[in-house]
Amino acid sequence: MSKRKETPEQTRERLYREEQKKNPAGNFNDNLNRTQAGMPNTTGMSIKEIGVLILIILVIFIVYSIYKSF
C-alpha cells in the first residue's frame, strides 16, 4: 500500500504497530496508563457515536436507579 494513499487512521495504526515491534515494554506501560485513566478509546468515534454511547449509559443508569428503588 502506498503511504500517500493512507488515511490518517491507517497511518496512526501503522506507526503504532511499528512502535510495538521496536519497544514491547513501552507498549505495556502505555496500556497500563490507559487502563488507569478509565477513559474508553474514542479516537475513531464520531461525535454522534460518542453521544449515543453516553445516552446508552444514562438510560442504563436510570433503569438501574428505578429498579433499585423498588
N, C-alpha and C. Protein backbone atom coordinates (compact mmCIF):
# COMPACT_ATOMS: atom_id res chain seq x y z
N MET A 1 0.85 -1.18 0.00
CA MET A 1 0.00 0.00 0.00
C MET A 1 0.89 1.24 0.00
N SER A 2 0.53 2.18 -0.80
CA SER A 2 1.30 3.42 -0.89
C SER A 2 1.05 4.27 0.34
N LYS A 3 2.11 4.89 0.85
CA LYS A 3 1.95 5.72 2.04
C LYS A 3 1.14 6.98 1.73
N ARG A 4 1.14 7.41 0.47
CA ARG A 4 0.40 8.62 0.11
C ARG A 4 -1.11 8.39 0.16
N LYS A 5 -1.55 7.16 -0.01
CA LYS A 5 -2.98 6.87 -0.05
C LYS A 5 -3.52 6.42 1.30
N GLU A 6 -2.70 6.44 2.33
CA GLU A 6 -3.15 6.05 3.66
C GLU A 6 -4.03 7.13 4.26
N THR A 7 -5.05 6.70 4.97
CA THR A 7 -5.85 7.65 5.74
C THR A 7 -5.09 7.95 7.02
N PRO A 8 -5.43 9.04 7.70
CA PRO A 8 -4.75 9.34 8.96
C PRO A 8 -4.88 8.21 9.99
N GLU A 9 -6.03 7.56 10.00
CA GLU A 9 -6.22 6.46 10.95
C GLU A 9 -5.30 5.29 10.62
N GLN A 10 -5.12 4.99 9.33
CA GLN A 10 -4.22 3.92 8.93
C GLN A 10 -2.77 4.27 9.26
N THR A 11 -2.42 5.54 9.09
CA THR A 11 -1.07 5.98 9.40
C THR A 11 -0.79 5.82 10.89
N ARG A 12 -1.75 6.24 11.74
CA ARG A 12 -1.60 6.08 13.18
C ARG A 12 -1.44 4.61 13.55
N GLU A 13 -2.27 3.76 12.94
CA GLU A 13 -2.20 2.33 13.24
C GLU A 13 -0.86 1.74 12.81
N ARG A 14 -0.35 2.12 11.63
CA ARG A 14 0.93 1.62 11.15
C ARG A 14 2.07 2.05 12.07
N LEU A 15 2.05 3.32 12.47
CA LEU A 15 3.09 3.82 13.37
C LEU A 15 3.02 3.13 14.74
N TYR A 16 1.81 2.87 15.21
CA TYR A 16 1.62 2.19 16.48
C TYR A 16 2.19 0.77 16.42
N ARG A 17 1.92 0.07 15.31
CA ARG A 17 2.43 -1.30 15.15
C ARG A 17 3.95 -1.31 15.07
N GLU A 18 4.52 -0.34 14.36
CA GLU A 18 5.98 -0.26 14.27
C GLU A 18 6.60 0.00 15.64
N GLU A 19 5.97 0.85 16.43
CA GLU A 19 6.48 1.15 17.77
C GLU A 19 6.38 -0.08 18.67
N GLN A 20 5.30 -0.86 18.51
CA GLN A 20 5.16 -2.08 19.30
C GLN A 20 6.29 -3.05 19.01
N LYS A 21 6.66 -3.16 17.74
CA LYS A 21 7.74 -4.08 17.37
C LYS A 21 9.07 -3.62 17.93
N LYS A 22 9.30 -2.31 17.96
CA LYS A 22 10.58 -1.77 18.43
C LYS A 22 10.70 -1.79 19.95
N ASN A 23 9.58 -1.56 20.65
CA ASN A 23 9.65 -1.38 22.09
C ASN A 23 8.45 -2.05 22.77
N PRO A 24 8.47 -3.37 22.97
CA PRO A 24 7.33 -4.05 23.58
C PRO A 24 7.07 -3.63 25.03
N ALA A 25 8.10 -3.28 25.78
CA ALA A 25 7.90 -2.86 27.17
C ALA A 25 7.17 -1.52 27.23
N GLY A 26 7.43 -0.65 26.28
CA GLY A 26 6.73 0.63 26.22
C GLY A 26 5.26 0.45 25.96
N ASN A 27 4.91 -0.56 25.19
CA ASN A 27 3.52 -0.87 24.91
C ASN A 27 2.80 -1.26 26.20
N PHE A 28 3.45 -2.06 27.04
CA PHE A 28 2.86 -2.44 28.33
C PHE A 28 2.59 -1.21 29.18
N ASN A 29 3.56 -0.29 29.23
CA ASN A 29 3.40 0.93 30.02
C ASN A 29 2.26 1.79 29.46
N ASP A 30 2.15 1.90 28.14
CA ASP A 30 1.07 2.68 27.54
C ASP A 30 -0.29 2.09 27.91
N ASN A 31 -0.41 0.77 27.82
CA ASN A 31 -1.68 0.13 28.16
C ASN A 31 -2.00 0.27 29.63
N LEU A 32 -1.00 0.21 30.48
CA LEU A 32 -1.22 0.38 31.91
C LEU A 32 -1.74 1.78 32.21
N ASN A 33 -1.12 2.79 31.60
CA ASN A 33 -1.57 4.16 31.80
C ASN A 33 -2.97 4.39 31.24
N ARG A 34 -3.27 3.79 30.12
CA ARG A 34 -4.59 3.94 29.51
C ARG A 34 -5.66 3.31 30.40
N THR A 35 -5.32 2.17 31.03
CA THR A 35 -6.26 1.49 31.92
C THR A 35 -6.50 2.32 33.17
N GLN A 36 -5.48 2.93 33.71
CA GLN A 36 -5.63 3.72 34.93
C GLN A 36 -6.45 4.98 34.68
N ALA A 37 -6.44 5.48 33.46
CA ALA A 37 -7.20 6.69 33.16
C ALA A 37 -8.69 6.42 33.21
N GLY A 38 -9.12 5.20 32.89
CA GLY A 38 -10.53 4.86 32.95
C GLY A 38 -11.35 5.43 31.81
N MET A 39 -10.72 5.92 30.79
CA MET A 39 -11.43 6.54 29.67
C MET A 39 -11.38 5.60 28.48
N PRO A 40 -12.53 5.31 27.87
CA PRO A 40 -12.51 4.44 26.70
C PRO A 40 -11.80 5.10 25.52
N ASN A 41 -11.27 4.31 24.65
CA ASN A 41 -10.60 4.84 23.47
C ASN A 41 -11.64 5.31 22.47
N THR A 42 -11.81 6.62 22.37
CA THR A 42 -12.81 7.19 21.47
C THR A 42 -12.15 7.89 20.30
N THR A 43 -10.91 7.51 19.99
CA THR A 43 -10.17 8.17 18.92
C THR A 43 -10.88 8.05 17.59
N GLY A 44 -11.40 6.87 17.27
CA GLY A 44 -12.02 6.65 15.98
C GLY A 44 -13.51 6.89 15.96
N MET A 45 -14.07 7.42 17.04
CA MET A 45 -15.52 7.60 17.11
C MET A 45 -15.90 9.03 16.73
N SER A 46 -17.04 9.15 16.06
CA SER A 46 -17.54 10.48 15.72
C SER A 46 -18.33 11.04 16.91
N ILE A 47 -18.70 12.30 16.80
CA ILE A 47 -19.48 12.95 17.87
C ILE A 47 -20.81 12.23 18.06
N LYS A 48 -21.42 11.82 16.97
CA LYS A 48 -22.71 11.13 17.05
C LYS A 48 -22.56 9.80 17.80
N GLU A 49 -21.52 9.05 17.52
CA GLU A 49 -21.30 7.77 18.19
C GLU A 49 -21.02 7.96 19.68
N ILE A 50 -20.24 8.97 20.02
CA ILE A 50 -19.96 9.25 21.43
C ILE A 50 -21.25 9.66 22.15
N GLY A 51 -22.08 10.46 21.49
CA GLY A 51 -23.36 10.87 22.07
C GLY A 51 -24.27 9.68 22.33
N VAL A 52 -24.32 8.75 21.38
CA VAL A 52 -25.14 7.54 21.56
C VAL A 52 -24.60 6.71 22.72
N LEU A 53 -23.29 6.60 22.83
CA LEU A 53 -22.68 5.86 23.94
C LEU A 53 -23.06 6.48 25.28
N ILE A 54 -22.98 7.80 25.38
CA ILE A 54 -23.35 8.49 26.62
C ILE A 54 -24.83 8.30 26.92
N LEU A 55 -25.67 8.37 25.89
CA LEU A 55 -27.12 8.19 26.06
C LEU A 55 -27.42 6.78 26.57
N ILE A 56 -26.77 5.79 26.03
CA ILE A 56 -26.98 4.41 26.49
C ILE A 56 -26.58 4.25 27.95
N ILE A 57 -25.46 4.85 28.32
CA ILE A 57 -25.01 4.78 29.71
C ILE A 57 -26.02 5.45 30.64
N LEU A 58 -26.55 6.60 30.23
CA LEU A 58 -27.56 7.29 31.04
C LEU A 58 -28.83 6.47 31.19
N VAL A 59 -29.30 5.87 30.11
CA VAL A 59 -30.52 5.05 30.17
C VAL A 59 -30.31 3.87 31.10
N ILE A 60 -29.16 3.23 31.01
CA ILE A 60 -28.87 2.10 31.90
C ILE A 60 -28.85 2.56 33.35
N PHE A 61 -28.27 3.72 33.61
CA PHE A 61 -28.22 4.25 34.98
C PHE A 61 -29.63 4.55 35.50
N ILE A 62 -30.48 5.15 34.67
CA ILE A 62 -31.85 5.48 35.08
C ILE A 62 -32.65 4.21 35.36
N VAL A 63 -32.54 3.23 34.47
CA VAL A 63 -33.26 1.96 34.68
C VAL A 63 -32.76 1.29 35.95
N TYR A 64 -31.47 1.31 36.19
CA TYR A 64 -30.92 0.72 37.41
C TYR A 64 -31.44 1.46 38.65
N SER A 65 -31.50 2.79 38.59
CA SER A 65 -31.98 3.56 39.74
C SER A 65 -33.43 3.25 40.04
N ILE A 66 -34.25 3.13 39.01
CA ILE A 66 -35.67 2.81 39.20
C ILE A 66 -35.80 1.40 39.77
N TYR A 67 -35.05 0.45 39.23
CA TYR A 67 -35.11 -0.93 39.69
C TYR A 67 -34.64 -1.04 41.14
N LYS A 68 -33.63 -0.28 41.49
CA LYS A 68 -33.08 -0.32 42.84
C LYS A 68 -34.06 0.25 43.87
N SER A 69 -34.88 1.21 43.47
CA SER A 69 -35.79 1.86 44.42
C SER A 69 -36.97 0.95 44.79
N PHE A 70 -37.28 -0.06 43.98
CA PHE A 70 -38.40 -0.95 44.29
C PHE A 70 -37.98 -2.03 45.17
